[in-house]
Protein backbone atom coordinates (compact mmCIF):
# COMPACT_ATOMS: atom_id res chain seq x y z
CA ASP A 1 -88.44 104.44 88.02
CA ARG A 2 -91.97 104.90 86.65
CA ILE A 3 -93.52 104.09 90.02
CA ARG A 4 -93.01 107.75 90.98
CA GLU A 5 -95.42 108.72 88.18
CA ILE A 6 -98.38 107.27 90.08
CA LYS A 7 -100.51 110.22 91.17
CA VAL A 8 -103.64 108.48 92.42
CA PRO A 9 -104.48 107.32 95.95
CA THR A 10 -102.80 103.96 96.44
CA LEU A 11 -103.40 101.32 99.09
CA MET A 12 -100.86 98.52 99.41
CA LEU A 13 -101.85 95.48 101.47
CA ILE A 14 -98.79 93.42 102.36
CA GLY A 15 -98.77 89.97 103.94
CA GLY A 16 -96.01 89.24 106.42
CA ARG A 17 -95.88 85.61 105.28
CA ASP A 18 -95.75 86.33 101.55
CA PRO A 19 -92.33 85.10 100.40
CA GLY A 20 -92.45 87.00 97.10
CA HIS A 21 -93.78 90.38 98.18
CA THR A 22 -92.08 91.01 101.49
CA PRO A 23 -92.54 94.19 103.52
CA GLU A 24 -88.88 95.00 102.89
CA ARG A 25 -89.54 94.90 99.16
CA ALA A 26 -92.85 96.76 99.36
CA LEU A 27 -91.80 99.64 101.63
CA PRO A 28 -89.57 101.42 99.06
CA ILE A 29 -92.41 101.16 96.54
CA ALA A 30 -94.92 102.64 98.98
CA ARG A 31 -92.50 105.45 99.80
CA ALA A 32 -92.04 106.23 96.10
CA ILE A 33 -95.77 106.79 95.57
CA THR A 34 -96.86 110.15 96.93
CA GLY A 35 -99.52 109.66 99.58
CA ALA A 36 -99.54 105.86 99.40
CA LYS A 37 -100.72 103.91 102.39
CA MET A 38 -99.22 100.52 103.20
CA VAL A 39 -100.97 98.13 105.57
CA PHE A 40 -99.05 95.19 106.95
CA PHE A 41 -100.95 91.95 107.64
CA GLU A 42 -98.50 90.15 109.91
CA ASP A 43 -100.10 86.69 109.90
CA GLU A 44 -101.25 86.51 106.29
CA GLY A 45 -99.53 85.56 103.06
CA HIS A 46 -100.18 86.38 99.43
CA TYR A 47 -103.86 85.39 99.59
CA MET A 48 -105.04 87.91 102.18
CA PRO A 49 -108.56 88.19 100.69
CA VAL A 50 -109.00 84.46 101.32
CA GLU A 51 -107.11 84.32 104.62
CA SER A 52 -108.67 87.43 106.23
CA PRO A 53 -111.49 88.64 103.99
CA GLN A 54 -113.18 90.89 106.54
CA ARG A 55 -109.96 92.64 107.44
CA VAL A 56 -109.23 93.27 103.75
CA VAL A 57 -112.73 94.70 103.29
CA ASN A 58 -112.29 96.88 106.37
CA GLU A 59 -108.96 98.28 105.17
CA ILE A 60 -110.28 99.02 101.68
CA THR A 61 -113.48 100.58 103.03
CA SER A 62 -111.52 102.77 105.43
CA PHE A 63 -109.10 103.86 102.72
CA VAL A 64 -111.86 104.72 100.23
CA SER A 65 -113.91 106.57 102.83
CA GLN A 66 -110.94 108.83 103.57
CA LEU A 67 -110.69 109.89 99.94
CA GLY A 68 -113.77 112.06 100.42
């Protein structure tokens, strides 16, 4: 219930092969946070920064640059 109290820009990076944090589990959380952005990494698991470091950097950089 407290997730709705988050009032800061939020970026959620979700790996399609992460058995614990599935997109189906993450989507309601992203929807509960006003203005949250969820990015789905279809071929990655829980360790996206290791599996696709440049893509993670690109997503974070893009998100932060839009905060202006």
